[in-house]
Every structure is written in structure tokens, then in C-alpha cells.
Amino acid sequence: MTTATTTGMEAEAALASLRAHIEEFIALELTQRLDVRLANLVHSGVLELDNWDGANLVLPRTVTTALLEAAAERVIWHSHRRRYERDINRLKQSL
């Protein structure tokens, strides 16, 4: 096995581990709070389910995006945000 192969396998393992961490974060963050947040959105009138026919993906995508952004903001290490701001912005620009 060459060094390039080992490095490639290590990179794949690191990406798989990162992917698993992100999937776990999303599952925990959204699953635990989804019902409460959706109920609050409906109760406050922000989310109007009467306008959703089930086929239109705009509402689910909008809600999903808002929930993910709110969840991500809560998880960011506020005390360390300045330290990682450049890396965060670089990654966001790449997305």
C-alpha cells in the first residue's frame, strides 16, 4: 500500500466521520425540537398550513432552511466565533 493510498483512505475515513457527525447533529437538533418549533410557528401565524397543498416544495424547503440555520447558530461556539470566523466565511463562500 502506498502513502497516497493510505492518505486517501484516511481522508475518506475522516470525511465519513465528519458526515456521520453532521447527520447526528441534524437528527438530534431537528428531531428533538421539530414538533415544538412547528407548533410554535403555526400558533404564531408565521406558518400557514392552509396555503400548502402538499405538492409545493417551497414551504418545506423554507421551513427546513430556517430550522437548520437557527440550529446552526445555536451550536456555533459563540465564545470562539471570532477565532473561527475566517474559516466559517471561507466555507460558506465555497458552499
PDB file of N, CA and C in Angstrom:
ATOM      1  N   MET A   1       0.847  -1.178   0.000  1.00  0.00           N
ATOM      2  CA  MET A   1       0.000   0.000   0.000  1.00  0.00           C
ATOM      3  C   MET A   1       0.892   1.241   0.000  1.00  0.00           C
ATOM      4  N   THR A   2       0.623   2.174  -0.874  1.00  0.00           N
ATOM      5  CA  THR A   2       1.446   3.370  -0.970  1.00  0.00           C
ATOM      6  C   THR A   2       0.976   4.421   0.021  1.00  0.00           C
ATOM      7  N   THR A   3       1.817   5.440   0.206  1.00  0.00           N
ATOM      8  CA  THR A   3       1.466   6.539   1.095  1.00  0.00           C
ATOM      9  C   THR A   3       0.246   7.272   0.582  1.00  0.00           C
ATOM     10  N   ALA A   4       0.157   7.453  -0.737  1.00  0.00           N
ATOM     11  CA  ALA A   4      -1.001   8.140  -1.323  1.00  0.00           C
ATOM     12  C   ALA A   4      -2.286   7.377  -1.038  1.00  0.00           C
ATOM     13  N   THR A   5      -2.216   6.044  -1.121  1.00  0.00           N
ATOM     14  CA  THR A   5      -3.387   5.223  -0.849  1.00  0.00           C
ATOM     15  C   THR A   5      -3.786   5.331   0.616  1.00  0.00           C
ATOM     16  N   THR A   6      -2.796   5.262   1.498  1.00  0.00           N
ATOM     17  CA  THR A   6      -3.069   5.390   2.925  1.00  0.00           C
ATOM     18  C   THR A   6      -3.679   6.745   3.225  1.00  0.00           C
ATOM     19  N   THR A   7      -3.120   7.795   2.676  1.00  0.00           N
ATOM     20  CA  THR A   7      -3.634   9.142   2.894  1.00  0.00           C
ATOM     21  C   THR A   7      -5.048   9.266   2.344  1.00  0.00           C
ATOM     22  N   GLY A   8      -5.289   8.681   1.175  1.00  0.00           N
ATOM     23  CA  GLY A   8      -6.631   8.712   0.590  1.00  0.00           C
ATOM     24  C   GLY A   8      -7.637   7.988   1.458  1.00  0.00           C
ATOM     25  N   MET A   9      -7.225   6.843   2.000  1.00  0.00           N
ATOM     26  CA  MET A   9      -8.114   6.076   2.874  1.00  0.00           C
ATOM     27  C   MET A   9      -8.366   6.835   4.172  1.00  0.00           C
ATOM     28  N   GLU A  10      -7.341   7.499   4.688  1.00  0.00           N
ATOM     29  CA  GLU A  10      -7.506   8.296   5.904  1.00  0.00           C
ATOM     30  C   GLU A  10      -8.443   9.472   5.646  1.00  0.00           C
ATOM     31  N   ALA A  11      -8.316  10.086   4.475  1.00  0.00           N
ATOM     32  CA  ALA A  11      -9.199  11.198   4.129  1.00  0.00           C
ATOM     33  C   ALA A  11     -10.640  10.720   4.007  1.00  0.00           C
ATOM     34  N   GLU A  12     -10.840   9.558   3.385  1.00  0.00           N
ATOM     35  CA  GLU A  12     -12.184   9.000   3.266  1.00  0.00           C
ATOM     36  C   GLU A  12     -12.773   8.696   4.636  1.00  0.00           C
ATOM     37  N   ALA A  13     -11.962   8.152   5.519  1.00  0.00           N
ATOM     38  CA  ALA A  13     -12.424   7.839   6.874  1.00  0.00           C
ATOM     39  C   ALA A  13     -12.775   9.124   7.629  1.00  0.00           C
ATOM     40  N   ALA A  14     -11.949  10.157   7.455  1.00  0.00           N
ATOM     41  CA  ALA A  14     -12.216  11.434   8.109  1.00  0.00           C
ATOM     42  C   ALA A  14     -13.510  12.048   7.583  1.00  0.00           C
ATOM     43  N   LEU A  15     -13.718  11.984   6.261  1.00  0.00           N
ATOM     44  CA  LEU A  15     -14.956  12.513   5.686  1.00  0.00           C
ATOM     45  C   LEU A  15     -16.170  11.728   6.152  1.00  0.00           C
ATOM     46  N   ALA A  16     -16.043  10.422   6.226  1.00  0.00           N
ATOM     47  CA  ALA A  16     -17.152   9.590   6.709  1.00  0.00           C
ATOM     48  C   ALA A  16     -17.483   9.929   8.159  1.00  0.00           C
ATOM     49  N   SER A  17     -16.455  10.148   8.961  1.00  0.00           N
ATOM     50  CA  SER A  17     -16.657  10.512  10.361  1.00  0.00           C
ATOM     51  C   SER A  17     -17.322  11.885  10.467  1.00  0.00           C
ATOM     52  N   LEU A  18     -16.868  12.828   9.663  1.00  0.00           N
ATOM     53  CA  LEU A  18     -17.460  14.170   9.659  1.00  0.00           C
ATOM     54  C   LEU A  18     -18.917  14.109   9.209  1.00  0.00           C
ATOM     55  N   ARG A  19     -19.183  13.348   8.158  1.00  0.00           N
ATOM     56  CA  ARG A  19     -20.547  13.188   7.646  1.00  0.00           C
ATOM     57  C   ARG A  19     -21.448  12.603   8.729  1.00  0.00           C
ATOM     58  N   ALA A  20     -20.959  11.595   9.429  1.00  0.00           N
ATOM     59  CA  ALA A  20     -21.739  10.960  10.493  1.00  0.00           C
ATOM     60  C   ALA A  20     -22.035  11.959  11.612  1.00  0.00           C
ATOM     61  N   HIS A  21     -21.043  12.774  11.954  1.00  0.00           N
ATOM     62  CA  HIS A  21     -21.227  13.796  12.995  1.00  0.00           C
ATOM     63  C   HIS A  21     -22.298  14.798  12.571  1.00  0.00           C
ATOM     64  N   ILE A  22     -22.236  15.259  11.324  1.00  0.00           N
ATOM     65  CA  ILE A  22     -23.205  16.238  10.829  1.00  0.00           C
ATOM     66  C   ILE A  22     -24.604  15.631  10.795  1.00  0.00           C
ATOM     67  N   GLU A  23     -24.709  14.389  10.319  1.00  0.00           N
ATOM     68  CA  GLU A  23     -26.011  13.723  10.283  1.00  0.00           C
ATOM     69  C   GLU A  23     -26.579  13.560  11.688  1.00  0.00           C
ATOM     70  N   GLU A  24     -25.727  13.209  12.636  1.00  0.00           N
ATOM     71  CA  GLU A  24     -26.178  13.055  14.023  1.00  0.00           C
ATOM     72  C   GLU A  24     -26.645  14.392  14.581  1.00  0.00           C
ATOM     73  N   PHE A  25     -25.885  15.452  14.305  1.00  0.00           N
ATOM     74  CA  PHE A  25     -26.269  16.791  14.768  1.00  0.00           C
ATOM     75  C   PHE A  25     -27.627  17.182  14.212  1.00  0.00           C
ATOM     76  N   ILE A  26     -27.805  16.997  12.923  1.00  0.00           N
ATOM     77  CA  ILE A  26     -29.071  17.370  12.295  1.00  0.00           C
ATOM     78  C   ILE A  26     -30.212  16.551  12.898  1.00  0.00           C
ATOM     79  N   ALA A  27     -30.005  15.260  13.030  1.00  0.00           N
ATOM     80  CA  ALA A  27     -31.055  14.394  13.584  1.00  0.00           C
ATOM     81  C   ALA A  27     -31.414  14.807  15.008  1.00  0.00           C
ATOM     82  N   LEU A  28     -30.405  15.004  15.848  1.00  0.00           N
ATOM     83  CA  LEU A  28     -30.671  15.382  17.232  1.00  0.00           C
ATOM     84  C   LEU A  28     -31.307  16.758  17.329  1.00  0.00           C
ATOM     85  N   GLU A  29     -30.732  17.702  16.645  1.00  0.00           N
ATOM     86  CA  GLU A  29     -31.198  19.080  16.741  1.00  0.00           C
ATOM     87  C   GLU A  29     -32.619  19.226  16.226  1.00  0.00           C
ATOM     88  N   LEU A  30     -32.893  18.648  15.092  1.00  0.00           N
ATOM     89  CA  LEU A  30     -34.214  18.822  14.499  1.00  0.00           C
ATOM     90  C   LEU A  30     -35.256  17.884  15.079  1.00  0.00           C
ATOM     91  N   THR A  31     -34.904  16.642  15.285  1.00  0.00           N
ATOM     92  CA  THR A  31     -35.885  15.673  15.766  1.00  0.00           C
ATOM     93  C   THR A  31     -36.405  16.048  17.144  1.00  0.00           C
ATOM     94  N   GLN A  32     -35.504  16.437  18.021  1.00  0.00           N
ATOM     95  CA  GLN A  32     -35.905  16.752  19.391  1.00  0.00           C
ATOM     96  C   GLN A  32     -36.762  18.015  19.482  1.00  0.00           C
ATOM     97  N   ARG A  33     -36.598  18.922  18.559  1.00  0.00           N
ATOM     98  CA  ARG A  33     -37.276  20.208  18.672  1.00  0.00           C
ATOM     99  C   ARG A  33     -38.295  20.476  17.570  1.00  0.00           C
ATOM    100  N   LEU A  34     -38.362  19.615  16.593  1.00  0.00           N
ATOM    101  CA  LEU A  34     -39.182  19.881  15.413  1.00  0.00           C
ATOM    102  C   LEU A  34     -40.657  20.090  15.747  1.00  0.00           C
ATOM    103  N   ASP A  35     -41.255  19.193  16.497  1.00  0.00           N
ATOM    104  CA  ASP A  35     -42.677  19.322  16.816  1.00  0.00           C
ATOM    105  C   ASP A  35     -42.986  20.614  17.555  1.00  0.00           C
ATOM    106  N   VAL A  36     -42.143  20.941  18.546  1.00  0.00           N
ATOM    107  CA  VAL A  36     -42.354  22.164  19.325  1.00  0.00           C
ATOM    108  C   VAL A  36     -42.219  23.396  18.436  1.00  0.00           C
ATOM    109  N   ARG A  37     -41.173  23.416  17.607  1.00  0.00           N
ATOM    110  CA  ARG A  37     -40.942  24.584  16.755  1.00  0.00           C
ATOM    111  C   ARG A  37     -42.054  24.751  15.717  1.00  0.00           C
ATOM    112  N   LEU A  38     -42.464  23.640  15.113  1.00  0.00           N
ATOM    113  CA  LEU A  38     -43.541  23.728  14.125  1.00  0.00           C
ATOM    114  C   LEU A  38     -44.842  24.187  14.780  1.00  0.00           C
ATOM    115  N   ALA A  39     -45.144  23.661  15.959  1.00  0.00           N
ATOM    116  CA  ALA A  39     -46.353  24.083  16.675  1.00  0.00           C
ATOM    117  C   ALA A  39     -46.290  25.576  17.003  1.00  0.00           C
ATOM    118  N   ASN A  40     -45.127  26.048  17.424  1.00  0.00           N
ATOM    119  CA  ASN A  40     -44.965  27.475  17.725  1.00  0.00           C
ATOM    120  C   ASN A  40     -45.150  28.333  16.470  1.00  0.00           C
ATOM    121  N   LEU A  41     -44.597  27.862  15.340  1.00  0.00           N
ATOM    122  CA  LEU A  41     -44.743  28.609  14.094  1.00  0.00           C
ATOM    123  C   LEU A  41     -46.202  28.677  13.654  1.00  0.00           C
ATOM    124  N   VAL A  42     -46.910  27.575  13.791  1.00  0.00           N
ATOM    125  CA  VAL A  42     -48.334  27.556  13.424  1.00  0.00           C
ATOM    126  C   VAL A  42     -49.118  28.440  14.374  1.00  0.00           C
ATOM    127  N   HIS A  43     -48.865  28.305  15.672  1.00  0.00           N
ATOM    128  CA  HIS A  43     -49.584  29.092  16.691  1.00  0.00           C
ATOM    129  C   HIS A  43     -49.367  30.598  16.500  1.00  0.00           C
ATOM    130  N   SER A  44     -48.146  30.983  16.150  1.00  0.00           N
ATOM    131  CA  SER A  44     -47.845  32.410  15.988  1.00  0.00           C
ATOM    132  C   SER A  44     -48.348  32.966  14.661  1.00  0.00           C
ATOM    133  N   GLY A  45     -48.784  32.075  13.768  1.00  0.00           N
ATOM    134  CA  GLY A  45     -49.294  32.535  12.472  1.00  0.00           C
ATOM    135  C   GLY A  45     -48.219  32.693  11.412  1.00  0.00           C
ATOM    136  N   VAL A  46     -46.968  32.406  11.752  1.00  0.00           N
ATOM    137  CA  VAL A  46     -45.879  32.523  10.790  1.00  0.00           C
ATOM    138  C   VAL A  46     -45.989  31.432   9.726  1.00  0.00           C
ATOM    139  N   LEU A  47     -46.393  30.262  10.152  1.00  0.00           N
ATOM    140  CA  LEU A  47     -46.511  29.125   9.244  1.00  0.00           C
ATOM    141  C   LEU A  47     -47.989  28.863   8.984  1.00  0.00           C
ATOM    142  N   GLU A  48     -48.414  29.105   7.751  1.00  0.00           N
ATOM    143  CA  GLU A  48     -49.813  28.928   7.386  1.00  0.00           C
ATOM    144  C   GLU A  48     -49.963  27.636   6.595  1.00  0.00           C
ATOM    145  N   LEU A  49     -50.379  26.594   7.272  1.00  0.00           N
ATOM    146  CA  LEU A  49     -50.514  25.296   6.622  1.00  0.00           C
ATOM    147  C   LEU A  49     -51.674  25.258   5.640  1.00  0.00           C
ATOM    148  N   ASP A  50     -52.600  26.201   5.742  1.00  0.00           N
ATOM    149  CA  ASP A  50     -53.719  26.263   4.800  1.00  0.00           C
ATOM    150  C   ASP A  50     -53.244  26.576   3.387  1.00  0.00           C
ATOM    151  N   ASN A  51     -52.074  27.194   3.286  1.00  0.00           N
ATOM    152  CA  ASN A  51     -51.543  27.572   1.974  1.00  0.00           C
ATOM    153  C   ASN A  51     -50.649  26.496   1.367  1.00  0.00           C
ATOM    154  N   TRP A  52     -50.607  25.342   1.979  1.00  0.00           N
ATOM    155  CA  TRP A  52     -49.731  24.282   1.495  1.00  0.00           C
ATOM    156  C   TRP A  52     -50.562  23.115   1.003  1.00  0.00           C
ATOM    157  N   ASP A  53     -50.375  22.752  -0.250  1.00  0.00           N
ATOM    158  CA  ASP A  53     -51.168  21.676  -0.842  1.00  0.00           C
ATOM    159  C   ASP A  53     -50.462  20.329  -0.803  1.00  0.00           C
ATOM    160  N   GLY A  54     -49.277  20.258  -0.243  1.00  0.00           N
ATOM    161  CA  GLY A  54     -48.547  19.006  -0.133  1.00  0.00           C
ATOM    162  C   GLY A  54     -47.636  18.732  -1.315  1.00  0.00           C
ATOM    163  N   ALA A  55     -47.895  19.370  -2.438  1.00  0.00           N
ATOM    164  CA  ALA A  55     -47.073  19.142  -3.629  1.00  0.00           C
ATOM    165  C   ALA A  55     -46.030  20.237  -3.807  1.00  0.00           C
ATOM    166  N   ASN A  56     -46.283  21.386  -3.256  1.00  0.00           N
ATOM    167  CA  ASN A  56     -45.391  22.524  -3.394  1.00  0.00           C
ATOM    168  C   ASN A  56     -44.216  22.363  -2.421  1.00  0.00           C
ATOM    169  N   LEU A  57     -42.993  22.391  -2.931  1.00  0.00           N
ATOM    170  CA  LEU A  57     -41.813  22.189  -2.087  1.00  0.00           C
ATOM    171  C   LEU A  57     -41.267  23.478  -1.487  1.00  0.00           C
ATOM    172  N   VAL A  58     -41.842  24.622  -1.840  1.00  0.00           N
ATOM    173  CA  VAL A  58     -41.321  25.891  -1.327  1.00  0.00           C
ATOM    174  C   VAL A  58     -41.464  25.960   0.190  1.00  0.00           C
ATOM    175  N   LEU A  59     -42.618  25.618   0.718  1.00  0.00           N
ATOM    176  CA  LEU A  59     -42.822  25.691   2.158  1.00  0.00           C
ATOM    177  C   LEU A  59     -41.899  24.735   2.919  1.00  0.00           C
ATOM    178  N   PRO A  60     -41.848  23.439   2.544  1.00  0.00           N
ATOM    179  CA  PRO A  60     -40.927  22.555   3.277  1.00  0.00           C
ATOM    180  C   PRO A  60     -39.470  23.000   3.182  1.00  0.00           C
ATOM    181  N   ARG A  61     -39.050  23.453   2.021  1.00  0.00           N
ATOM    182  CA  ARG A  61     -37.657  23.907   1.877  1.00  0.00           C
ATOM    183  C   ARG A  61     -37.393  25.150   2.702  1.00  0.00           C
ATOM    184  N   THR A  62     -38.359  26.071   2.729  1.00  0.00           N
ATOM    185  CA  THR A  62     -38.203  27.298   3.506  1.00  0.00           C
ATOM    186  C   THR A  62     -38.122  26.987   4.990  1.00  0.00           C
ATOM    187  N   VAL A  63     -39.025  26.137   5.466  1.00  0.00           N
ATOM    188  CA  VAL A  63     -39.026  25.763   6.882  1.00  0.00           C
ATOM    189  C   VAL A  63     -37.742  25.029   7.228  1.00  0.00           C
ATOM    190  N   THR A  64     -37.338  24.102   6.391  1.00  0.00           N
ATOM    191  CA  THR A  64     -36.111  23.333   6.645  1.00  0.00           C
ATOM    192  C   THR A  64     -34.905  24.252   6.716  1.00  0.00           C
ATOM    193  N   THR A  65     -34.808  25.180   5.772  1.00  0.00           N
ATOM    194  CA  THR A  65     -33.678  26.114   5.756  1.00  0.00           C
ATOM    195  C   THR A  65     -33.661  26.964   7.020  1.00  0.00           C
ATOM    196  N   ALA A  66     -34.824  27.501   7.394  1.00  0.00           N
ATOM    197  CA  ALA A  66     -34.899  28.338   8.593  1.00  0.00           C
ATOM    198  C   ALA A  66     -34.525  27.548   9.839  1.00  0.00           C
ATOM    199  N   LEU A  67     -35.017  26.318   9.951  1.00  0.00           N
ATOM    200  CA  LEU A  67     -34.701  25.497  11.120  1.00  0.00           C
ATOM    201  C   LEU A  67     -33.223  25.145  11.174  1.00  0.00           C
ATOM    202  N   LEU A  68     -32.650  24.782  10.034  1.00  0.00           N
ATOM    203  CA  LEU A  68     -31.233  24.433  10.011  1.00  0.00           C
ATOM    204  C   LEU A  68     -30.357  25.630  10.346  1.00  0.00           C
ATOM    205  N   GLU A  69     -30.691  26.799   9.812  1.00  0.00           N
ATOM    206  CA  GLU A  69     -29.902  27.991  10.107  1.00  0.00           C
ATOM    207  C   GLU A  69     -29.999  28.361  11.579  1.00  0.00           C
ATOM    208  N   ALA A  70     -31.206  28.275  12.143  1.00  0.00           N
ATOM    209  CA  ALA A  70     -31.377  28.590  13.559  1.00  0.00           C
ATOM    210  C   ALA A  70     -30.615  27.585  14.426  1.00  0.00           C
ATOM    211  N   ALA A  71     -30.681  26.310  14.058  1.00  0.00           N
ATOM    212  CA  ALA A  71     -29.968  25.280  14.818  1.00  0.00           C
ATOM    213  C   ALA A  71     -28.469  25.495  14.741  1.00  0.00           C
ATOM    214  N   ALA A  72     -27.980  25.808  13.556  1.00  0.00           N
ATOM    215  CA  ALA A  72     -26.542  26.022  13.383  1.00  0.00           C
ATOM    216  C   ALA A  72     -26.071  27.220  14.206  1.00  0.00           C
ATOM    217  N   GLU A  73     -26.855  28.277  14.226  1.00  0.00           N
ATOM    218  CA  GLU A  73     -26.474  29.463  15.001  1.00  0.00           C
ATOM    219  C   GLU A  73     -26.366  29.143  16.486  1.00  0.00           C
ATOM    220  N   ARG A  74     -27.244  28.286  16.987  1.00  0.00           N
ATOM    221  CA  ARG A  74     -27.201  27.932  18.409  1.00  0.00           C
ATOM    222  C   ARG A  74     -25.991  27.088  18.742  1.00  0.00           C
ATOM    223  N   VAL A  75     -25.509  26.321  17.789  1.00  0.00           N
ATOM    224  CA  VAL A  75     -24.424  25.396  18.057  1.00  0.00           C
ATOM    225  C   VAL A  75     -23.056  26.053  17.924  1.00  0.00           C
ATOM    226  N   ILE A  76     -22.982  27.120  17.167  1.00  0.00           N
ATOM    227  CA  ILE A  76     -21.691  27.798  16.980  1.00  0.00           C
ATOM    228  C   ILE A  76     -21.145  28.219  18.334  1.00  0.00           C
ATOM    229  N   TRP A  77     -19.870  27.987  18.512  1.00  0.00           N
ATOM    230  CA  TRP A  77     -19.226  28.332  19.767  1.00  0.00           C
ATOM    231  C   TRP A  77     -19.085  29.847  19.836  1.00  0.00           C
ATOM    232  N   HIS A  78     -20.050  30.491  20.480  1.00  0.00           N
ATOM    233  CA  HIS A  78     -20.066  31.956  20.496  1.00  0.00           C
ATOM    234  C   HIS A  78     -18.792  32.538  21.092  1.00  0.00           C
ATOM    235  N   SER A  79     -18.251  31.879  22.097  1.00  0.00           N
ATOM    236  CA  SER A  79     -17.038  32.413  22.716  1.00  0.00           C
ATOM    237  C   SER A  79     -15.828  32.277  21.797  1.00  0.00           C
ATOM    238  N   HIS A  80     -15.907  31.381  20.827  1.00  0.00           N
ATOM    239  CA  HIS A  80     -14.788  31.166  19.922  1.00  0.00           C
ATOM    240  C   HIS A  80     -15.098  31.604  18.495  1.00  0.00           C
ATOM    241  N   ARG A  81     -16.258  32.203  18.270  1.00  0.00           N
ATOM    242  CA  ARG A  81     -16.677  32.532  16.919  1.00  0.00           C
ATOM    243  C   ARG A  81     -15.654  33.402  16.189  1.00  0.00           C
ATOM    244  N   ARG A  82     -15.139  34.417  16.863  1.00  0.00           N
ATOM    245  CA  ARG A  82     -14.155  35.298  16.207  1.00  0.00           C
ATOM    246  C   ARG A  82     -12.946  34.515  15.732  1.00  0.00           C
ATOM    247  N   ARG A  83     -12.538  33.562  16.544  1.00  0.00           N
ATOM    248  CA  ARG A  83     -11.360  32.762  16.216  1.00  0.00           C
ATOM    249  C   ARG A  83     -11.580  31.966  14.929  1.00  0.00           C
ATOM    250  N   TYR A  84     -12.813  31.509  14.710  1.00  0.00           N
ATOM    251  CA  TYR A  84     -13.115  30.658  13.557  1.00  0.00           C
ATOM    252  C   TYR A  84     -13.845  31.399  12.433  1.00  0.00           C
ATOM    253  N   GLU A  85     -14.082  32.681  12.595  1.00  0.00           N
ATOM    254  CA  GLU A  85     -14.869  33.460  11.633  1.00  0.00           C
ATOM    255  C   GLU A  85     -14.328  33.353  10.211  1.00  0.00           C
ATOM    256  N   ARG A  86     -13.023  33.484  10.038  1.00  0.00           N
ATOM    257  CA  ARG A  86     -12.435  33.418   8.698  1.00  0.00           C
ATOM    258  C   ARG A  86     -12.702  32.062   8.052  1.00  0.00           C
ATOM    259  N   ASP A  87     -12.501  30.989   8.805  1.00  0.00           N
ATOM    260  CA  ASP A  87     -12.743  29.642   8.274  1.00  0.00           C
ATOM    261  C   ASP A  87     -14.223  29.426   7.972  1.00  0.00           C
ATOM    262  N   ILE A  88     -15.085  29.913   8.853  1.00  0.00           N
ATOM    263  CA  ILE A  88     -16.532  29.785   8.639  1.00  0.00           C
ATOM    264  C   ILE A  88     -16.933  30.509   7.357  1.00  0.00           C
ATOM    265  N   ASN A  89     -16.475  31.736   7.191  1.00  0.00           N
ATOM    266  CA  ASN A  89     -16.815  32.517   5.998  1.00  0.00           C
ATOM    267  C   ASN A  89     -16.268  31.880   4.723  1.00  0.00           C
ATOM    268  N   ARG A  90     -15.062  31.339   4.804  1.00  0.00           N
ATOM    269  CA  ARG A  90     -14.472  30.666   3.642  1.00  0.00           C
ATOM    270  C   ARG A  90     -15.306  29.464   3.225  1.00  0.00           C
ATOM    271  N   LEU A  91     -15.713  28.680   4.200  1.00  0.00           N
ATOM    272  CA  LEU A  91     -16.545  27.513   3.912  1.00  0.00           C
ATOM    273  C   LEU A  91     -17.913  27.919   3.367  1.00  0.00           C
ATOM    274  N   LYS A  92     -18.502  28.965   3.943  1.00  0.00           N
ATOM    275  CA  LYS A  92     -19.816  29.417   3.460  1.00  0.00           C
ATOM    276  C   LYS A  92     -19.734  29.905   2.027  1.00  0.00           C
ATOM    277  N   GLN A  93     -18.642  30.597   1.672  1.00  0.00           N
ATOM    278  CA  GLN A  93     -18.468  31.070   0.307  1.00  0.00           C
ATOM    279  C   GLN A  93     -18.308  29.893  -0.656  1.00  0.00           C
ATOM    280  N   SER A  94     -17.660  28.841  -0.202  1.00  0.00           N
ATOM    281  CA  SER A  94     -17.467  27.665  -1.040  1.00  0.00           C
ATOM    282  C   SER A  94     -18.767  26.915  -1.287  1.00  0.00           C
ATOM    283  N   LEU A  95     -19.700  27.033  -0.345  1.00  0.00           N
ATOM    284  CA  LEU A  95     -20.988  26.352  -0.480  1.00  0.00           C
ATOM    285  C   LEU A  95     -21.821  27.096  -1.477  1.00  0.00           C
TER     286      LEU A  95
END
